[in-house]
C-alpha atoms as a PDB file:
ATOM      1  CA  MET A   1     -19.096  -4.485   5.167  1.00  0.00           C
ATOM      2  CA  LEU A   2     -16.498  -4.853   2.711  1.00  0.00           C
ATOM      3  CA  PHE A   3     -13.929  -2.029   2.441  1.00  0.00           C
ATOM      4  CA  ASP A   4     -11.896  -1.390  -0.528  1.00  0.00           C
ATOM      5  CA  THR A   5      -8.861   0.509   1.498  1.00  0.00           C
ATOM      6  CA  HIS A   6      -6.488   1.704  -1.378  1.00  0.00           C
ATOM      7  CA  ILE A   7      -8.416   4.030  -3.968  1.00  0.00           C
ATOM      8  CA  HIS A   8      -6.797   6.861  -5.760  1.00  0.00           C
ATOM      9  CA  THR A   9      -8.667   9.896  -7.480  1.00  0.00           C
ATOM     10  CA  ARG A  10      -7.505  13.091  -9.158  1.00  0.00           C
ATOM     11  CA  TYR A  11      -5.621  14.387  -5.964  1.00  0.00           C
ATOM     12  CA  SER A  12      -2.995  11.657  -7.257  1.00  0.00           C
ATOM     13  CA  VAL A  13      -0.873  12.913 -10.084  1.00  0.00           C
ATOM     14  CA  ASP A  14      -1.578   9.138 -11.864  1.00  0.00           C
ATOM     15  CA  SER A  15      -5.452   9.564 -11.264  1.00  0.00           C
ATOM     16  CA  ASN A  16      -8.291  11.234 -13.194  1.00  0.00           C
ATOM     17  CA  MET A  17     -10.810   9.668 -11.232  1.00  0.00           C
ATOM     18  CA  ALA A  18     -13.244  12.116  -9.793  1.00  0.00           C
ATOM     19  CA  VAL A  19     -14.399  11.347  -6.445  1.00  0.00           C
ATOM     20  CA  GLU A  20     -18.233  11.582  -7.093  1.00  0.00           C
ATOM     21  CA  ALA A  21     -17.361   8.734  -9.526  1.00  0.00           C
ATOM     22  CA  ALA A  22     -15.372   6.487  -6.891  1.00  0.00           C
ATOM     23  CA  VAL A  23     -18.305   7.139  -4.226  1.00  0.00           C
ATOM     24  CA  SER A  24     -21.180   6.103  -6.738  1.00  0.00           C
ATOM     25  CA  GLN A  25     -18.970   3.047  -7.709  1.00  0.00           C
ATOM     26  CA  ALA A  26     -18.938   1.992  -4.432  1.00  0.00           C
ATOM     27  CA  ALA A  27     -22.154   2.381  -3.236  1.00  0.00           C
ATOM     28  CA  GLN A  28     -23.276   0.481  -6.708  1.00  0.00           C
ATOM     29  CA  LEU A  29     -21.077  -2.271  -5.495  1.00  0.00           C
ATOM     30  CA  GLY A  30     -22.279  -2.094  -2.055  1.00  0.00           C
ATOM     31  CA  LEU A  31     -18.453  -1.569  -1.066  1.00  0.00           C
ATOM     32  CA  GLY A  32     -16.613   1.017   1.664  1.00  0.00           C
ATOM     33  CA  ILE A  33     -13.780   2.909   0.494  1.00  0.00           C
ATOM     34  CA  ILE A  34     -10.680   4.850   1.762  1.00  0.00           C
ATOM     35  CA  ILE A  35      -9.154   7.442  -0.399  1.00  0.00           C
ATOM     36  CA  THR A  36      -5.540   7.092  -0.505  1.00  0.00           C
ATOM     37  CA  GLU A  37      -3.867   9.998  -2.463  1.00  0.00           C
ATOM     38  CA  HIS A  38      -0.440   9.767  -3.022  1.00  0.00           C
ATOM     39  CA  THR A  39       2.497  12.225  -1.454  1.00  0.00           C
ATOM     40  CA  ASP A  40       5.904  10.767  -2.068  1.00  0.00           C
ATOM     41  CA  LEU A  41       8.573  13.654  -0.748  1.00  0.00           C
ATOM     42  CA  ALA A  42      11.103  10.855  -1.177  1.00  0.00           C
ATOM     43  CA  PHE A  43      10.443  10.573  -5.111  1.00  0.00           C
ATOM     44  CA  PRO A  44      13.493  11.700  -7.261  1.00  0.00           C
ATOM     45  CA  GLU A  45      11.559  14.358  -9.022  1.00  0.00           C
ATOM     46  CA  PRO A  46      10.910  16.633  -6.213  1.00  0.00           C
ATOM     47  CA  ASP A  47       7.074  18.064  -5.558  1.00  0.00           C
ATOM     48  CA  THR A  48       5.679  16.256  -8.189  1.00  0.00           C
ATOM     49  CA  VAL A  49       3.994  13.586  -6.298  1.00  0.00           C
ATOM     50  CA  THR A  50       2.581  15.752  -3.965  1.00  0.00           C
ATOM     51  CA  PHE A  51      -0.939  17.260  -3.196  1.00  0.00           C
ATOM     52  CA  ASP A  52      -2.617  20.320  -1.184  1.00  0.00           C
ATOM     53  CA  VAL A  53      -3.459  18.226   2.105  1.00  0.00           C
ATOM     54  CA  GLY A  54      -5.500  21.105   3.254  1.00  0.00           C
ATOM     55  CA  ARG A  55      -7.654  21.449   0.011  1.00  0.00           C
ATOM     56  CA  TYR A  56      -8.403  17.810  -0.288  1.00  0.00           C
ATOM     57  CA  PHE A  57      -9.934  17.684   3.213  1.00  0.00           C
ATOM     58  CA  GLN A  58     -11.742  20.780   2.263  1.00  0.00           C
ATOM     59  CA  GLU A  59     -12.885  19.600  -0.768  1.00  0.00           C
ATOM     60  CA  TYR A  60     -13.876  15.821  -0.138  1.00  0.00           C
ATOM     61  CA  ASP A  61     -15.453  16.355   3.639  1.00  0.00           C
ATOM     62  CA  PRO A  62     -18.831  16.321   2.147  1.00  0.00           C
ATOM     63  CA  TYR A  63     -18.207  12.911   1.037  1.00  0.00           C
ATOM     64  CA  HIS A  64     -16.670  11.771   4.282  1.00  0.00           C
ATOM     65  CA  SER A  65     -18.798   9.521   6.068  1.00  0.00           C
ATOM     66  CA  ASP A  66     -18.905   5.530   7.609  1.00  0.00           C
ATOM     67  CA  LYS A  67     -18.444   4.342   4.181  1.00  0.00           C
ATOM     68  CA  VAL A  68     -15.772   6.911   2.358  1.00  0.00           C
ATOM     69  CA  LEU A  69     -12.726   7.505   4.833  1.00  0.00           C
ATOM     70  CA  LEU A  70      -9.960   9.750   4.075  1.00  0.00           C
ATOM     71  CA  GLY A  71      -6.479   8.353   3.864  1.00  0.00           C
ATOM     72  CA  ILE A  72      -3.210   8.742   2.230  1.00  0.00           C
ATOM     73  CA  GLU A  73      -0.028   6.928   0.660  1.00  0.00           C
ATOM     74  CA  ILE A  74       3.145   7.774   1.806  1.00  0.00           C
ATOM     75  CA  GLY A  75       6.093   7.187   0.147  1.00  0.00           C
ATOM     76  CA  MET A  76       9.027   6.381   2.646  1.00  0.00           C
ATOM     77  CA  GLY A  77      12.127   7.615   2.443  1.00  0.00           C
ATOM     78  CA  LEU A  78      15.284   8.449   4.729  1.00  0.00           C
ATOM     79  CA  GLU A  79      15.504  11.959   3.815  1.00  0.00           C
ATOM     80  CA  CYS A  80      11.654  12.792   4.612  1.00  0.00           C
ATOM     81  CA  VAL A  81      10.592  11.044   7.854  1.00  0.00           C
ATOM     82  CA  GLU A  82       9.964  14.007  10.076  1.00  0.00           C
ATOM     83  CA  GLU A  83       8.488  15.818   6.992  1.00  0.00           C
ATOM     84  CA  ASN A  84       5.863  13.036   6.594  1.00  0.00           C
ATOM     85  CA  ARG A  85       5.400  12.312  10.285  1.00  0.00           C
ATOM     86  CA  ARG A  86       4.512  16.629   9.880  1.00  0.00           C
ATOM     87  CA  ILE A  87       1.728  15.926   7.065  1.00  0.00           C
ATOM     88  CA  ILE A  88       0.244  12.809   9.525  1.00  0.00           C
ATOM     89  CA  VAL A  89       0.353  14.188  12.785  1.00  0.00           C
ATOM     90  CA  ASN A  90      -1.222  17.953  11.269  1.00  0.00           C
ATOM     91  CA  HIS A  91      -4.567  16.543   9.619  1.00  0.00           C
ATOM     92  CA  PRO A  92      -7.165  14.011  10.502  1.00  0.00           C
ATOM     93  CA  PHE A  93      -6.348  11.313   8.212  1.00  0.00           C
ATOM     94  CA  ASP A  94      -8.691   7.837   8.979  1.00  0.00           C
ATOM     95  CA  TYR A  95      -5.672   5.354   7.350  1.00  0.00           C
ATOM     96  CA  VAL A  96      -2.011   5.925   6.444  1.00  0.00           C
ATOM     97  CA  ILE A  97      -0.441   3.375   4.228  1.00  0.00           C
ATOM     98  CA  GLY A  98       3.345   3.659   3.665  1.00  0.00           C
ATOM     99  CA  SER A  99       4.840   2.424   0.560  1.00  0.00           C
ATOM    100  CA  ILE A 100       8.068   2.339  -0.883  1.00  0.00           C
ATOM    101  CA  HIS A 101       7.964   3.829  -4.691  1.00  0.00           C
ATOM    102  CA  SER A 102      11.927   4.555  -4.925  1.00  0.00           C
ATOM    103  CA  VAL A 103      15.123   3.353  -3.634  1.00  0.00           C
ATOM    104  CA  ASP A 104      18.275   5.517  -2.771  1.00  0.00           C
ATOM    105  CA  ASN A 105      16.950   8.381  -5.124  1.00  0.00           C
ATOM    106  CA  MET A 106      16.222   6.097  -8.129  1.00  0.00           C
ATOM    107  CA  ASP A 107      12.421   5.839  -9.437  1.00  0.00           C
ATOM    108  CA  ILE A 108      11.730   1.826  -9.344  1.00  0.00           C
ATOM    109  CA  TYR A 109       9.566   2.414 -12.273  1.00  0.00           C
ATOM    110  CA  LEU A 110      12.206   3.399 -14.691  1.00  0.00           C
ATOM    111  CA  GLU A 111      14.743   0.726 -16.527  1.00  0.00           C
ATOM    112  CA  ALA A 112      17.780   2.863 -15.477  1.00  0.00           C
ATOM    113  CA  TYR A 113      17.063   1.524 -12.013  1.00  0.00           C
ATOM    114  CA  TYR A 114      17.675  -2.175 -13.172  1.00  0.00           C
ATOM    115  CA  HIS A 115      20.650  -1.488 -15.728  1.00  0.00           C
ATOM    116  CA  SER A 116      23.505  -3.805 -15.618  1.00  0.00           C
ATOM    117  CA  ARG A 117      22.354  -5.218 -12.045  1.00  0.00           C
ATOM    118  CA  THR A 118      21.279  -8.792 -11.179  1.00  0.00           C
ATOM    119  CA  LYS A 119      17.677  -9.346 -10.034  1.00  0.00           C
ATOM    120  CA  ARG A 120      19.257 -10.108  -6.491  1.00  0.00           C
ATOM    121  CA  ASP A 121      21.059  -7.475  -5.957  1.00  0.00           C
ATOM    122  CA  THR A 122      18.150  -5.172  -6.676  1.00  0.00           C
ATOM    123  CA  TYR A 123      15.636  -7.217  -4.508  1.00  0.00           C
ATOM    124  CA  GLU A 124      18.009  -7.499  -1.953  1.00  0.00           C
ATOM    125  CA  GLN A 125      18.414  -3.271  -2.118  1.00  0.00           C
ATOM    126  CA  TYR A 126      14.637  -2.869  -2.255  1.00  0.00           C
ATOM    127  CA  PHE A 127      14.416  -4.805   0.664  1.00  0.00           C
ATOM    128  CA  THR A 128      16.827  -3.322   2.929  1.00  0.00           C
ATOM    129  CA  TRP A 129      15.653  -0.109   2.212  1.00  0.00           C
ATOM    130  CA  MET A 130      12.263  -1.120   2.690  1.00  0.00           C
ATOM    131  CA  LEU A 131      12.983  -2.233   6.047  1.00  0.00           C
ATOM    132  CA  LYS A 132      14.875   0.980   6.902  1.00  0.00           C
ATOM    133  CA  CYS A 133      12.201   2.850   5.954  1.00  0.00           C
ATOM    134  CA  LEU A 134       9.870   0.942   8.293  1.00  0.00           C
ATOM    135  CA  LYS A 135      11.886   1.291  11.126  1.00  0.00           C
ATOM    136  CA  THR A 136      11.903   5.286  11.126  1.00  0.00           C
ATOM    137  CA  HIS A 137       7.981   5.576   9.966  1.00  0.00           C
ATOM    138  CA  ASP A 138       6.816   4.139  12.865  1.00  0.00           C
ATOM    139  CA  PHE A 139       3.702   6.368  12.284  1.00  0.00           C
ATOM    140  CA  ILE A 140       2.221   4.375   9.169  1.00  0.00           C
ATOM    141  CA  ASP A 141      -1.542   2.005   9.664  1.00  0.00           C
ATOM    142  CA  SER A 142      -0.330  -0.525   6.941  1.00  0.00           C
ATOM    143  CA  LEU A 143       2.375  -1.265   4.625  1.00  0.00           C
ATOM    144  CA  GLY A 144       1.550  -1.066   0.910  1.00  0.00           C
ATOM    145  CA  HIS A 145       2.039  -3.863  -1.641  1.00  0.00           C
ATOM    146  CA  ILE A 146       5.268  -5.297  -0.693  1.00  0.00           C
ATOM    147  CA  ASP A 147       5.631  -6.667  -4.076  1.00  0.00           C
ATOM    148  CA  TYR A 148       5.433  -3.226  -5.932  1.00  0.00           C
ATOM    149  CA  ILE A 149       8.859  -3.985  -7.119  1.00  0.00           C
ATOM    150  CA  ALA A 150       7.529  -7.079  -9.258  1.00  0.00           C
ATOM    151  CA  ARG A 151       4.893  -4.812 -11.378  1.00  0.00           C
ATOM    152  CA  TYR A 152       8.318  -2.733 -13.393  1.00  0.00           C
ATOM    153  CA  ALA A 153      11.067  -5.094 -12.337  1.00  0.00           C
ATOM    154  CA  ARG A 154      12.842  -5.836 -16.233  1.00  0.00           C
ATOM    155  CA  TYR A 155      13.766  -9.117 -15.557  1.00  0.00           C
ATOM    156  CA  GLN A 156      12.227 -12.123 -17.319  1.00  0.00           C
ATOM    157  CA  ASP A 157      10.688 -13.752 -14.098  1.00  0.00           C
ATOM    158  CA  PRO A 158       9.935 -10.322 -12.126  1.00  0.00           C
ATOM    159  CA  GLU A 159       8.169 -12.035  -9.007  1.00  0.00           C
ATOM    160  CA  ILE A 160       9.096 -12.419  -5.671  1.00  0.00           C
ATOM    161  CA  TYR A 161       9.731 -15.599  -4.297  1.00  0.00           C
ATOM    162  CA  TYR A 162       9.637 -16.133  -0.379  1.00  0.00           C
ATOM    163  CA  HIS A 163      12.023 -18.918  -0.623  1.00  0.00           C
ATOM    164  CA  GLU A 164      14.556 -16.753  -2.591  1.00  0.00           C
ATOM    165  CA  PHE A 165      14.222 -13.366  -0.190  1.00  0.00           C
ATOM    166  CA  GLY A 166      12.874 -15.039   3.131  1.00  0.00           C
ATOM    167  CA  ASP A 167      15.769 -13.480   5.110  1.00  0.00           C
ATOM    168  CA  TRP A 168      14.946  -9.923   3.980  1.00  0.00           C
ATOM    169  CA  ILE A 169      11.471 -10.516   3.817  1.00  0.00           C
ATOM    170  CA  ASP A 170      11.656 -11.535   7.551  1.00  0.00           C
ATOM    171  CA  GLU A 171      12.956  -8.879   8.716  1.00  0.00           C
ATOM    172  CA  ILE A 172      10.153  -6.474   7.160  1.00  0.00           C
ATOM    173  CA  LEU A 173       7.235  -9.245   8.280  1.00  0.00           C
ATOM    174  CA  LYS A 174       8.816  -9.252  12.308  1.00  0.00           C
ATOM    175  CA  THR A 175       9.005  -5.564  12.363  1.00  0.00           C
ATOM    176  CA  LEU A 176       5.138  -4.885  11.141  1.00  0.00           C
ATOM    177  CA  ALA A 177       4.527  -7.765  13.869  1.00  0.00           C
ATOM    178  CA  GLN A 178       6.410  -6.301  16.367  1.00  0.00           C
ATOM    179  CA  ASN A 179       4.926  -3.287  15.970  1.00  0.00           C
ATOM    180  CA  GLY A 180       0.816  -4.162  15.570  1.00  0.00           C
ATOM    181  CA  LYS A 181       0.977  -2.659  12.131  1.00  0.00           C
ATOM    182  CA  ALA A 182      -1.249  -4.288   8.950  1.00  0.00           C
ATOM    183  CA  LEU A 183       0.533  -5.762   5.964  1.00  0.00           C
ATOM    184  CA  GLU A 184      -1.385  -5.121   2.722  1.00  0.00           C
ATOM    185  CA  ILE A 185      -3.063  -7.290   0.294  1.00  0.00           C
ATOM    186  CA  ASN A 186      -3.126  -5.341  -2.685  1.00  0.00           C
ATOM    187  CA  THR A 187      -5.742  -7.082  -5.037  1.00  0.00           C
ATOM    188  CA  ARG A 188      -3.763  -5.458  -8.477  1.00  0.00           C
ATOM    189  CA  ARG A 189      -1.939  -8.482  -9.220  1.00  0.00           C
ATOM    190  CA  LEU A 190      -3.912 -11.242  -7.714  1.00  0.00           C
ATOM    191  CA  THR A 191      -5.324 -12.146 -11.347  1.00  0.00           C
ATOM    192  CA  SER A 192      -4.865 -15.722 -11.348  1.00  0.00           C
ATOM    193  CA  PRO A 193      -4.359 -18.896  -9.060  1.00  0.00           C
ATOM    194  CA  ALA A 194      -0.541 -19.005  -9.911  1.00  0.00           C
ATOM    195  CA  ALA A 195      -0.271 -15.216  -9.123  1.00  0.00           C
ATOM    196  CA  ILE A 196      -1.766 -15.627  -5.574  1.00  0.00           C
ATOM    197  CA  ASP A 197       0.250 -18.740  -4.878  1.00  0.00           C
ATOM    198  CA  ILE A 198       3.074 -16.660  -5.407  1.00  0.00           C
ATOM    199  CA  VAL A 199       2.194 -14.450  -2.793  1.00  0.00           C
ATOM    200  CA  ARG A 200       0.644 -16.590  -0.224  1.00  0.00           C
ATOM    201  CA  PRO A 201       4.088 -17.577   1.638  1.00  0.00           C
ATOM    202  CA  ILE A 202       4.694 -13.995   2.547  1.00  0.00           C
ATOM    203  CA  TYR A 203       1.190 -13.805   4.459  1.00  0.00           C
ATOM    204  CA  GLN A 204       1.841 -17.230   5.916  1.00  0.00           C
ATOM    205  CA  ARG A 205       5.078 -16.245   6.984  1.00  0.00           C
ATOM    206  CA  PHE A 206       3.210 -13.010   8.713  1.00  0.00           C
ATOM    207  CA  TYR A 207       0.828 -14.670  10.208  1.00  0.00           C
ATOM    208  CA  GLU A 208       4.340 -17.257  11.666  1.00  0.00           C
ATOM    209  CA  LEU A 209       5.959 -14.202  12.892  1.00  0.00           C
ATOM    210  CA  GLY A 210       2.917 -12.900  14.785  1.00  0.00           C
ATOM    211  CA  GLY A 211       1.200 -10.765  12.429  1.00  0.00           C
ATOM    212  CA  GLN A 212      -2.205  -9.971  12.981  1.00  0.00           C
ATOM    213  CA  PHE A 213      -3.895  -7.857  10.646  1.00  0.00           C
ATOM    214  CA  VAL A 214      -3.795  -7.118   6.803  1.00  0.00           C
ATOM    215  CA  THR A 215      -5.446  -4.362   5.025  1.00  0.00           C
ATOM    216  CA  ILE A 216      -6.886  -5.118   1.405  1.00  0.00           C
ATOM    217  CA  GLY A 217      -6.967  -2.610  -1.440  1.00  0.00           C
ATOM    218  CA  SER A 218      -7.157  -2.946  -5.118  1.00  0.00           C
ATOM    219  CA  ASP A 219      -4.765   0.178  -5.733  1.00  0.00           C
ATOM    220  CA  ALA A 220      -7.496   1.491  -8.199  1.00  0.00           C
ATOM    221  CA  HIS A 221      -6.705   4.613 -10.411  1.00  0.00           C
ATOM    222  CA  LYS A 222      -9.771   4.051 -12.523  1.00  0.00           C
ATOM    223  CA  GLN A 223     -13.289   4.213 -11.424  1.00  0.00           C
ATOM    224  CA  GLN A 224     -13.679   0.396 -13.259  1.00  0.00           C
ATOM    225  CA  ASP A 225     -11.402  -0.864 -11.002  1.00  0.00           C
ATOM    226  CA  ILE A 226     -12.813  -0.178  -7.545  1.00  0.00           C
ATOM    227  CA  GLY A 227     -13.075  -3.528  -6.054  1.00  0.00           C
ATOM    228  CA  ALA A 228     -11.494  -5.346  -8.391  1.00  0.00           C
ATOM    229  CA  ARG A 229     -10.383  -9.100  -7.074  1.00  0.00           C
ATOM    230  CA  LEU A 230     -11.411  -8.251  -3.174  1.00  0.00           C
ATOM    231  CA  GLU A 231     -12.911 -11.464  -2.784  1.00  0.00           C
ATOM    232  CA  ALA A 232      -9.332 -13.118  -4.141  1.00  0.00           C
ATOM    233  CA  GLY A 233      -7.842 -10.820  -1.288  1.00  0.00           C
ATOM    234  CA  TYR A 234     -10.274 -12.089   1.722  1.00  0.00           C
ATOM    235  CA  ALA A 235      -9.835 -15.760   0.552  1.00  0.00           C
ATOM    236  CA  LEU A 236      -5.489 -15.009   1.021  1.00  0.00           C
ATOM    237  CA  ALA A 237      -6.263 -13.623   4.161  1.00  0.00           C
ATOM    238  CA  GLU A 238      -8.914 -16.116   5.136  1.00  0.00           C
ATOM    239  CA  ALA A 239      -6.139 -19.192   4.355  1.00  0.00           C
ATOM    240  CA  CYS A 240      -3.641 -17.355   6.444  1.00  0.00           C
ATOM    241  CA  LYS A 241      -5.428 -16.932   9.720  1.00  0.00           C
ATOM    242  CA  LEU A 242      -5.120 -13.131   9.128  1.00  0.00           C
ATOM    243  CA  LYS A 243      -7.699 -10.718  10.519  1.00  0.00           C
ATOM    244  CA  VAL A 244      -8.954  -8.279   8.047  1.00  0.00           C
ATOM    245  CA  VAL A 245      -9.274  -5.029   8.979  1.00  0.00           C
ATOM    246  CA  TYR A 246      -9.835  -1.201   7.516  1.00  0.00           C
ATOM    247  CA  PHE A 247      -8.919   1.845   9.512  1.00  0.00           C
ATOM    248  CA  LYS A 248     -10.879   5.020  10.589  1.00  0.00           C
ATOM    249  CA  GLN A 249     -10.302   7.541  12.634  1.00  0.00           C
ATOM    250  CA  ARG A 250      -6.092   5.497  12.576  1.00  0.00           C
ATOM    251  CA  LYS A 251      -8.030   2.948  14.570  1.00  0.00           C
ATOM    252  CA  PRO A 252      -8.408  -0.844  13.186  1.00  0.00           C
ATOM    253  CA  GLU A 253     -11.772  -1.793  12.255  1.00  0.00           C
ATOM    254  CA  THR A 254     -13.011  -5.614  11.420  1.00  0.00           C
ATOM    255  CA  GLY A 255     -13.420  -5.287   7.718  1.00  0.00           C
ATOM    256  CA  ARG A 256     -16.200  -8.080   7.231  1.00  0.00           C
END
């Protein structure tokens, strides 16, 4: 069964999707899903991107099955490593995504993060921060959307090109590979062959550096986006000789 491993419902501050809608849509599509609500203790505005984890498990446990798994997407930050660790250790998540949404207490989404700074300086800081967080967050299963910054960067061409940032990206990929972690293929931006061509070198390099596993997720916040472009993600993984997995009880399972 195909799994969409990155789904947000109403426990995430930026989604209003009901769990019933997510489960119904996945069933219609013949997909398995992992619900991965946001918590971001590193976010510049404290307590705005968190949720009641105990209540989440209590409410969603009736939906929990082999086809509907319960995970979390944590915002990684150097100032909240142990707090993040406690959340993961103390709850029975199937899957943990580690992501970077802010850098040095600045929200990547906001224009102010890019003000009076070159793309190279900004992206080097982003990758340096990501690497530091990966080395401390050894309890995640997969690194989420490595190209997240390209969604929001205020540059004429915000894309991440491996040939420009390969030295920094390599260190991140090496860290993931050496620790047996997965790298997410986030399908939100795989909207064209050209878009896929831009990210392909990153996943090819991951394989070359010893990476084995990728997870594939739509990052859906709305019912109609569940499962979007998963086939493109699988094709990319196959082209790069990477094994697609999803996580159940924190253990990798074959995704197809």
